[in-house]
Amino acid sequence: MRAFQLVDWRQPPELREVPVPEPGPGQILLKVAGAGACHSDLHIMQAPAPLPGFPNPPFTLGHENAGWVERLGPGVSGVQPGDPVIVYGSWGCGSCANCLRGQENYCQNLRGQGPGLGGGHDGGMAEYLLVPAARYLIPLGALDPRQAAPLSDAGLTSYHAVKRSLHLLGPGSTAVVIGAGGLGQMTIQILRALCAATTVVAVDTDAGKLETAERMGADEALLSGDEAITRIRDMTARQGAQLVLDMVGTDPTLRMAAQVARVLGHLTIVGLGGGALPVDFSSPPHECSVASPYWGSLTELMEVITLAQQGRIRMLVEHFPLQRANEAYQLLHDGRIQGRAVITPHT
C-alpha cells in the first residue's frame, strides 16, 4: 500500500510503498477515507532532532483519521466490515487512573500519543490504518468520513477547550478566539452550539479568515493589533473577556491574550506556535487561570460527532490525494488553507 511517511528528521515526507498491516487479536484494519493535515504535523516535520516519545523514521503521518472497517482481528466485536467510523486518536495504556476515567489523552504511561503522533504507531496518511482496539472507533452514521476526519482532533480539541470553561459563559459574557483558521472556525461553532448567549469575538491577521469566522457565527471579527485589544476591552467595560482561547500560541498572540483576559477568567493556550506567555504580578490578570489542554476524552469525541450529526458544527474541508500531500502541507504552512486539508488515499 502507499503511505506518506517521514523518512528522516527535517526532511520532506515521501510517498512510499509499505506492506498492508495484518490485524492481530483485538485489532482492526481501517480503510482510510480521510486523514487531516494538522499544524502539529509541521512541527514534527521541522523538528531539528528526534522528538521524545517518537519512533525513529520512517513512520507514517496522520492523526486525524476516519474511514471504513476493512478487516477484524480475532476477538473483535462491536464493529463490522464496511462500517463508517472515526478514530479517537489519543491512544493510552487503558489501565492507569486517567485512562480508566476515559481521559486517555492524559494517559500516565503513554502520554496519550496515537497514530502519527509518536508511541510507535503509524498514522492514517496511508491506504490502510491499523487500530489497536475497537474502543477507539466511533460510528459516524450518515456522516461522510472524508469530511468528518478532522473532527477527531480539530473538532475534539476545540470542544474540550471550550467545555472546560462553560461555567464562565452565559448572558453578558465574552469569549475571544485568537486565530480563525481550522481550529478557530471550529471553536467559534462550538461556542455557538454550547453557549449561544456568549458574545464571540474572532481575531486574525487574515481578512478572508475573518469573513469565514463571521459566517461560522462570530459576533465580531477583528484584525489583530492594538485596535482589536482596545475594542475588546471597550466592549467588556474594560474588564476583559471571561474566556480567551489562543489557537495560535506565538509571542504576539499570547501577549494579546494576556491583555484581553479578565480577573478570574480563563486563558487557554491551544496553538503550538512556541511562544511564551508574559507572566508577572499583574499579567495575566489576578487569578486568571491559564491552561494548555491536549486533545479531549473519548466521551467528548462522541459528543462532537453528535453535534456534527445534528448539523450544528461542520468543518470546511479541502481534499488532496496522497500524491499531493506535500502540496497540502505547503499550503497549510503558508496559511492558504481556509479550513482543514484532508488527505484522501482512495481518490
Protein backbone atom coordinates (compact mmCIF):
# COMPACT_ATOMS: atom_id res chain seq x y z
CA MET A 1 0.00 0.00 0.00
CA ARG A 2 1.01 3.66 -0.34
CA ALA A 3 1.89 5.63 2.79
CA PHE A 4 3.01 9.23 3.33
CA GLN A 5 5.98 8.85 5.64
CA LEU A 6 8.53 10.97 7.44
CA VAL A 7 11.77 9.34 6.32
CA ASP A 8 14.17 11.49 8.35
CA TRP A 9 14.09 14.49 10.67
CA ARG A 10 13.92 17.86 8.88
CA GLN A 11 13.36 16.16 5.52
CA PRO A 12 10.18 16.38 3.42
CA PRO A 13 7.94 13.35 3.87
CA GLU A 14 7.77 10.89 0.99
CA LEU A 15 5.12 8.67 -0.56
CA ARG A 16 6.37 5.09 -0.15
CA GLU A 17 5.20 1.55 -0.70
CA VAL A 18 4.81 -0.41 2.56
CA PRO A 19 3.10 -3.70 3.46
CA VAL A 20 -0.56 -3.70 4.41
CA PRO A 21 -0.68 -4.48 8.15
CA GLU A 22 -2.48 -7.62 9.27
CA PRO A 23 -4.78 -7.13 12.28
CA GLY A 24 -3.86 -9.28 15.27
CA PRO A 25 -6.00 -10.15 18.29
CA GLY A 26 -8.25 -7.22 19.23
CA GLN A 27 -7.06 -5.08 16.32
CA ILE A 28 -8.93 -3.57 13.38
CA LEU A 29 -7.71 -2.73 9.89
CA LEU A 30 -9.28 0.50 8.66
CA LYS A 31 -9.60 1.53 5.01
CA VAL A 32 -8.72 5.21 5.31
CA ALA A 33 -11.21 7.64 3.78
CA GLY A 34 -9.61 10.83 5.07
CA ALA A 35 -6.66 11.94 7.19
CA GLY A 36 -6.49 15.58 8.27
CA ALA A 37 -3.34 17.64 7.82
CA CYS A 38 -2.62 19.41 11.12
CA HIS A 39 -0.20 22.16 12.17
CA SER A 40 1.29 19.75 14.72
CA ASP A 41 2.47 17.63 11.77
CA LEU A 42 4.50 20.63 10.57
CA HIS A 43 6.21 20.77 13.97
CA ILE A 44 7.09 17.08 13.63
CA MET A 45 8.47 17.61 10.11
CA GLN A 46 10.56 20.59 11.19
CA ALA A 47 11.93 19.09 14.41
CA PRO A 48 15.72 19.52 14.45
CA ALA A 49 16.32 16.30 16.38
CA PRO A 50 14.41 13.17 17.43
CA LEU A 51 11.32 14.09 19.43
CA PRO A 52 10.74 12.43 22.83
CA GLY A 53 8.26 9.58 22.55
CA PHE A 54 8.57 9.29 18.78
CA PRO A 55 9.98 6.32 16.92
CA ASN A 56 12.91 6.72 14.59
CA PRO A 57 11.81 7.41 11.00
CA PRO A 58 10.36 6.14 8.79
CA PHE A 59 6.84 6.36 10.17
CA THR A 60 3.50 7.30 8.64
CA LEU A 61 1.99 10.68 9.48
CA GLY A 62 -1.69 11.40 10.12
CA HIS A 63 -3.54 11.51 13.47
CA GLU A 64 -6.98 12.77 12.29
CA ASN A 65 -8.48 9.67 10.72
CA ALA A 66 -11.80 8.30 9.54
CA GLY A 67 -12.75 5.52 7.16
CA TRP A 68 -14.43 2.15 6.81
CA VAL A 69 -13.73 -1.02 8.76
CA GLU A 70 -11.85 -3.36 6.42
CA ARG A 71 -10.87 -6.44 8.47
CA LEU A 72 -11.20 -7.57 12.08
CA GLY A 73 -8.58 -9.35 14.13
CA PRO A 74 -9.52 -12.30 16.35
CA GLY A 75 -11.80 -11.40 19.25
CA VAL A 76 -13.06 -8.05 17.93
CA SER A 77 -16.72 -7.24 18.47
CA GLY A 78 -18.90 -4.17 18.17
CA VAL A 79 -17.95 -3.24 14.60
CA GLN A 80 -18.36 -4.92 11.23
CA PRO A 81 -16.55 -4.65 7.88
CA GLY A 82 -17.89 -1.69 5.93
CA ASP A 83 -18.88 0.37 8.99
CA PRO A 84 -18.03 4.09 8.62
CA VAL A 85 -16.10 5.16 11.72
CA ILE A 86 -13.91 7.92 13.08
CA VAL A 87 -10.77 7.08 15.06
CA TYR A 88 -10.20 8.51 18.53
CA GLY A 89 -6.55 9.41 18.17
CA SER A 90 -5.18 9.60 21.69
CA TRP A 91 -4.22 6.03 22.47
CA GLY A 92 -3.40 5.39 26.12
CA CYS A 93 -2.47 2.33 28.12
CA GLY A 94 -6.10 1.70 29.07
CA SER A 95 -5.31 0.82 32.69
CA CYS A 96 -3.95 3.92 34.50
CA ALA A 97 -6.27 6.11 36.58
CA ASN A 98 -6.76 8.68 33.82
CA CYS A 99 -7.43 6.09 31.11
CA LEU A 100 -9.99 4.35 33.32
CA ARG A 101 -11.81 7.69 33.58
CA GLY A 102 -11.88 7.88 29.76
CA GLN A 103 -9.13 10.52 29.67
CA GLU A 104 -6.67 8.60 27.53
CA ASN A 105 -5.39 11.96 26.26
CA TYR A 106 -3.78 12.28 29.71
CA CYS A 107 -2.51 8.70 29.97
CA GLN A 108 0.02 8.49 32.78
CA ASN A 109 2.10 5.87 30.98
CA LEU A 110 1.97 6.60 27.24
CA ARG A 111 1.30 10.37 27.20
CA GLY A 112 -1.81 9.88 25.08
CA GLN A 113 0.08 9.60 21.81
CA GLY A 114 -1.72 7.91 18.98
CA PRO A 115 -1.33 7.37 15.24
CA GLY A 116 1.23 9.63 13.62
CA LEU A 117 1.96 11.32 16.96
CA GLY A 118 4.57 9.03 18.42
CA GLY A 119 4.35 5.98 20.62
CA GLY A 120 5.47 3.79 17.73
CA HIS A 121 2.15 3.90 15.85
CA ASP A 122 1.91 4.60 12.13
CA GLY A 123 -0.70 7.20 11.22
CA GLY A 124 -3.52 7.30 8.72
CA MET A 125 -1.95 9.05 5.72
CA ALA A 126 -1.95 5.70 4.01
CA GLU A 127 -4.44 3.48 2.29
CA TYR A 128 -4.93 1.46 5.47
CA LEU A 129 -4.51 2.09 9.21
CA LEU A 130 -4.11 -0.48 11.97
CA VAL A 131 -6.17 0.46 15.06
CA PRO A 132 -5.25 -1.37 18.31
CA ALA A 133 -8.73 -1.65 19.85
CA ALA A 134 -12.39 -1.29 18.92
CA ARG A 135 -12.95 1.24 21.72
CA TYR A 136 -11.14 3.83 19.57
CA LEU A 137 -13.74 3.58 16.78
CA ILE A 138 -16.86 5.74 16.94
CA PRO A 139 -19.70 5.15 14.44
CA LEU A 140 -20.30 8.02 12.02
CA GLY A 141 -23.78 7.10 10.86
CA ALA A 142 -24.63 9.18 7.80
CA LEU A 143 -21.58 11.46 8.11
CA ASP A 144 -19.08 11.22 5.24
CA PRO A 145 -15.77 10.01 6.74
CA ARG A 146 -13.84 12.12 4.19
CA GLN A 147 -15.48 15.21 5.68
CA ALA A 148 -15.55 14.04 9.28
CA ALA A 149 -11.88 13.09 9.76
CA PRO A 150 -10.79 16.48 11.23
CA LEU A 151 -13.43 16.22 13.93
CA SER A 152 -11.16 13.71 15.67
CA ASP A 153 -8.64 16.46 16.53
CA ALA A 154 -9.66 19.92 15.30
CA GLY A 155 -13.20 19.25 16.50
CA LEU A 156 -12.30 17.39 19.69
CA THR A 157 -9.51 19.72 20.78
CA SER A 158 -11.71 22.78 20.29
CA TYR A 159 -14.65 21.14 22.06
CA HIS A 160 -12.59 20.16 25.10
CA ALA A 161 -11.00 23.62 25.30
CA VAL A 162 -14.44 25.27 25.36
CA LYS A 163 -16.27 22.76 27.54
CA ARG A 164 -13.87 23.11 30.47
CA SER A 165 -14.79 26.80 30.71
CA LEU A 166 -18.55 26.65 30.16
CA HIS A 167 -19.28 27.64 33.75
CA LEU A 168 -17.84 31.09 32.98
CA LEU A 169 -20.05 31.68 29.97
CA GLY A 170 -23.64 32.92 29.80
CA PRO A 171 -25.63 36.07 29.09
CA GLY A 172 -23.35 39.09 29.10
CA SER A 173 -20.16 37.03 28.78
CA THR A 174 -17.48 37.31 26.09
CA ALA A 175 -15.25 34.66 24.52
CA VAL A 176 -12.31 35.69 22.33
CA VAL A 177 -10.91 33.28 19.75
CA ILE A 178 -7.44 34.31 18.56
CA GLY A 179 -6.74 32.63 15.21
CA ALA A 180 -9.57 31.93 12.75
CA GLY A 181 -8.05 29.01 10.85
CA GLY A 182 -9.42 25.47 11.02
CA LEU A 183 -9.23 25.20 14.82
CA GLY A 184 -10.59 28.69 15.37
CA GLN A 185 -13.50 28.17 12.99
CA MET A 186 -14.46 25.00 14.81
CA THR A 187 -14.12 26.71 18.20
CA ILE A 188 -16.48 29.51 17.14
CA GLN A 189 -19.12 26.98 16.09
CA ILE A 190 -18.76 25.03 19.33
CA LEU A 191 -19.16 28.21 21.37
CA ARG A 192 -22.33 28.96 19.42
CA ALA A 193 -23.61 25.41 19.94
CA LEU A 194 -22.82 25.14 23.66
CA CYS A 195 -23.44 28.70 24.85
CA ALA A 196 -25.45 30.75 22.36
CA ALA A 197 -25.72 33.74 24.74
CA THR A 198 -21.96 34.37 24.75
CA THR A 199 -20.59 37.17 22.57
CA VAL A 200 -17.94 35.53 20.37
CA VAL A 201 -15.07 37.67 19.05
CA ALA A 202 -12.68 36.32 16.39
CA VAL A 203 -9.23 37.85 15.89
CA ASP A 204 -6.89 37.12 12.98
CA THR A 205 -4.38 38.77 10.65
CA ASP A 206 -6.21 37.45 7.56
CA ALA A 207 -9.33 39.33 6.44
CA GLY A 208 -10.54 36.31 4.45
CA LYS A 209 -10.46 34.07 7.51
CA LEU A 210 -12.31 36.72 9.49
CA GLU A 211 -15.09 36.71 6.88
CA THR A 212 -15.30 32.94 7.30
CA ALA A 213 -15.37 33.37 11.08
CA GLU A 214 -18.42 35.63 10.79
CA ARG A 215 -20.17 33.05 8.61
CA MET A 216 -19.39 30.46 11.28
CA GLY A 217 -21.11 32.55 13.96
CA ALA A 218 -18.64 35.12 15.33
CA ASP A 219 -20.40 38.27 16.54
CA GLU A 220 -17.34 40.41 15.80
CA ALA A 221 -14.30 39.78 13.62
CA LEU A 222 -11.25 41.96 14.30
CA LEU A 223 -7.92 42.33 12.56
CA SER A 224 -5.17 41.58 15.05
CA GLY A 225 -3.44 44.59 16.60
CA ASP A 226 -3.80 47.33 19.19
CA GLU A 227 -7.19 48.39 17.84
CA ALA A 228 -8.54 44.89 18.42
CA ILE A 229 -7.31 44.96 22.01
CA THR A 230 -8.96 48.33 22.58
CA ARG A 231 -12.22 47.17 21.03
CA ILE A 232 -12.39 44.02 23.17
CA ARG A 233 -11.68 45.97 26.35
CA ASP A 234 -14.25 48.60 25.43
CA MET A 235 -16.98 46.05 24.72
CA THR A 236 -16.31 44.33 28.06
CA ALA A 237 -16.45 47.57 30.08
CA ARG A 238 -12.65 47.45 30.48
CA GLN A 239 -12.93 44.12 32.33
CA GLY A 240 -11.71 41.77 29.60
CA ALA A 241 -13.19 38.52 28.33
CA GLN A 242 -14.27 35.63 30.54
CA LEU A 243 -12.60 33.19 28.14
CA VAL A 244 -9.68 33.78 25.78
CA LEU A 245 -8.66 30.89 23.52
CA ASP A 246 -5.35 31.31 21.71
CA MET A 247 -5.42 28.93 18.76
CA VAL A 248 -2.02 30.18 17.52
CA GLY A 249 0.32 30.33 20.51
CA THR A 250 3.00 32.74 19.28
CA ASP A 251 4.56 35.57 21.31
CA PRO A 252 2.31 38.29 19.79
CA THR A 253 -0.92 36.28 20.22
CA LEU A 254 -0.08 35.34 23.80
CA ARG A 255 0.67 38.97 24.65
CA MET A 256 -2.73 39.89 23.24
CA ALA A 257 -4.40 37.08 25.15
CA ALA A 258 -2.97 38.36 28.44
CA GLN A 259 -4.18 41.89 27.64
CA VAL A 260 -7.79 40.94 26.86
CA ALA A 261 -8.35 38.33 29.61
CA ARG A 262 -10.08 39.31 32.84
CA VAL A 263 -9.69 38.75 36.56
CA LEU A 264 -10.93 35.24 37.46
CA GLY A 265 -11.20 34.37 33.77
CA HIS A 266 -9.66 31.57 31.72
CA LEU A 267 -6.79 31.93 29.24
CA THR A 268 -6.49 28.72 27.24
CA ILE A 269 -3.49 28.04 25.02
CA VAL A 270 -4.33 25.63 22.20
CA GLY A 271 -1.92 26.64 19.41
CA LEU A 272 1.58 25.19 19.12
CA GLY A 273 3.28 28.39 17.97
CA GLY A 274 6.06 28.08 20.51
CA GLY A 275 5.53 31.49 22.12
CA ALA A 276 5.84 32.42 25.79
CA LEU A 277 3.07 33.96 27.87
CA PRO A 278 4.23 37.12 29.69
CA VAL A 279 3.79 36.48 33.40
CA ASP A 280 4.29 38.90 36.27
CA PHE A 281 2.23 40.07 39.26
CA SER A 282 -0.44 41.70 37.06
CA SER A 283 -0.21 39.71 33.82
CA PRO A 284 -2.30 37.71 33.23
CA PRO A 285 -4.93 39.42 35.41
CA HIS A 286 -5.26 38.25 39.00
CA GLU A 287 -6.49 34.68 39.39
CA CYS A 288 -6.91 34.25 35.65
CA SER A 289 -6.36 30.54 35.15
CA VAL A 290 -4.02 29.51 32.34
CA ALA A 291 -4.27 26.05 30.79
CA SER A 292 -2.85 24.18 27.82
CA PRO A 293 -5.33 21.36 27.14
CA TYR A 294 -4.38 18.39 24.99
CA TRP A 295 -6.99 16.78 22.73
CA GLY A 296 -10.04 15.51 24.67
CA SER A 297 -11.67 12.38 26.03
CA LEU A 298 -13.37 9.54 24.18
CA THR A 299 -16.73 10.64 25.54
CA GLU A 300 -16.16 14.18 24.30
CA LEU A 301 -15.45 12.91 20.79
CA MET A 302 -18.80 11.11 20.89
CA GLU A 303 -20.40 14.45 21.82
CA VAL A 304 -18.60 16.18 18.94
CA ILE A 305 -19.89 13.57 16.48
CA THR A 306 -23.44 14.08 17.80
CA LEU A 307 -23.17 17.84 17.19
CA ALA A 308 -21.95 17.16 13.64
CA GLN A 309 -24.77 14.67 13.01
CA GLN A 310 -27.24 17.33 14.17
CA GLY A 311 -25.75 19.80 11.69
CA ARG A 312 -24.65 22.20 14.44
CA ILE A 313 -20.95 22.13 13.53
CA ARG A 314 -19.13 21.48 10.27
CA MET A 315 -15.54 21.61 9.13
CA LEU A 316 -14.54 23.38 5.93
CA VAL A 317 -12.55 20.73 4.09
CA GLU A 318 -10.28 20.75 1.05
CA HIS A 319 -9.41 17.30 -0.27
CA PHE A 320 -5.99 16.21 -1.60
CA PRO A 321 -4.96 12.77 -2.92
CA LEU A 322 -1.96 11.10 -1.32
CA GLN A 323 0.37 12.18 -4.12
CA ARG A 324 -0.42 15.83 -3.33
CA ALA A 325 0.12 15.56 0.44
CA ASN A 326 3.33 17.65 0.41
CA GLU A 327 1.47 20.34 -1.53
CA ALA A 328 -1.28 20.34 1.11
CA TYR A 329 1.27 20.84 3.88
CA GLN A 330 2.97 23.66 1.98
CA LEU A 331 -0.38 25.43 1.60
CA LEU A 332 -1.02 24.87 5.31
CA HIS A 333 2.39 26.29 6.16
CA ASP A 334 1.68 29.36 4.01
CA GLY A 335 -1.71 29.96 5.62
CA ARG A 336 -3.60 29.24 2.39
CA ILE A 337 -5.99 26.57 3.70
CA GLN A 338 -9.24 28.17 4.82
CA GLY A 339 -10.40 25.23 6.93
CA ARG A 340 -8.70 21.83 7.01
CA ALA A 341 -6.77 19.96 4.33
CA VAL A 342 -7.75 16.28 4.26
CA ILE A 343 -5.70 13.61 2.52
CA THR A 344 -7.95 11.07 0.75
CA PRO A 345 -5.91 7.94 -0.10
CA HIS A 346 -8.59 6.21 -2.18
CA THR A 347 -9.47 9.02 -4.61
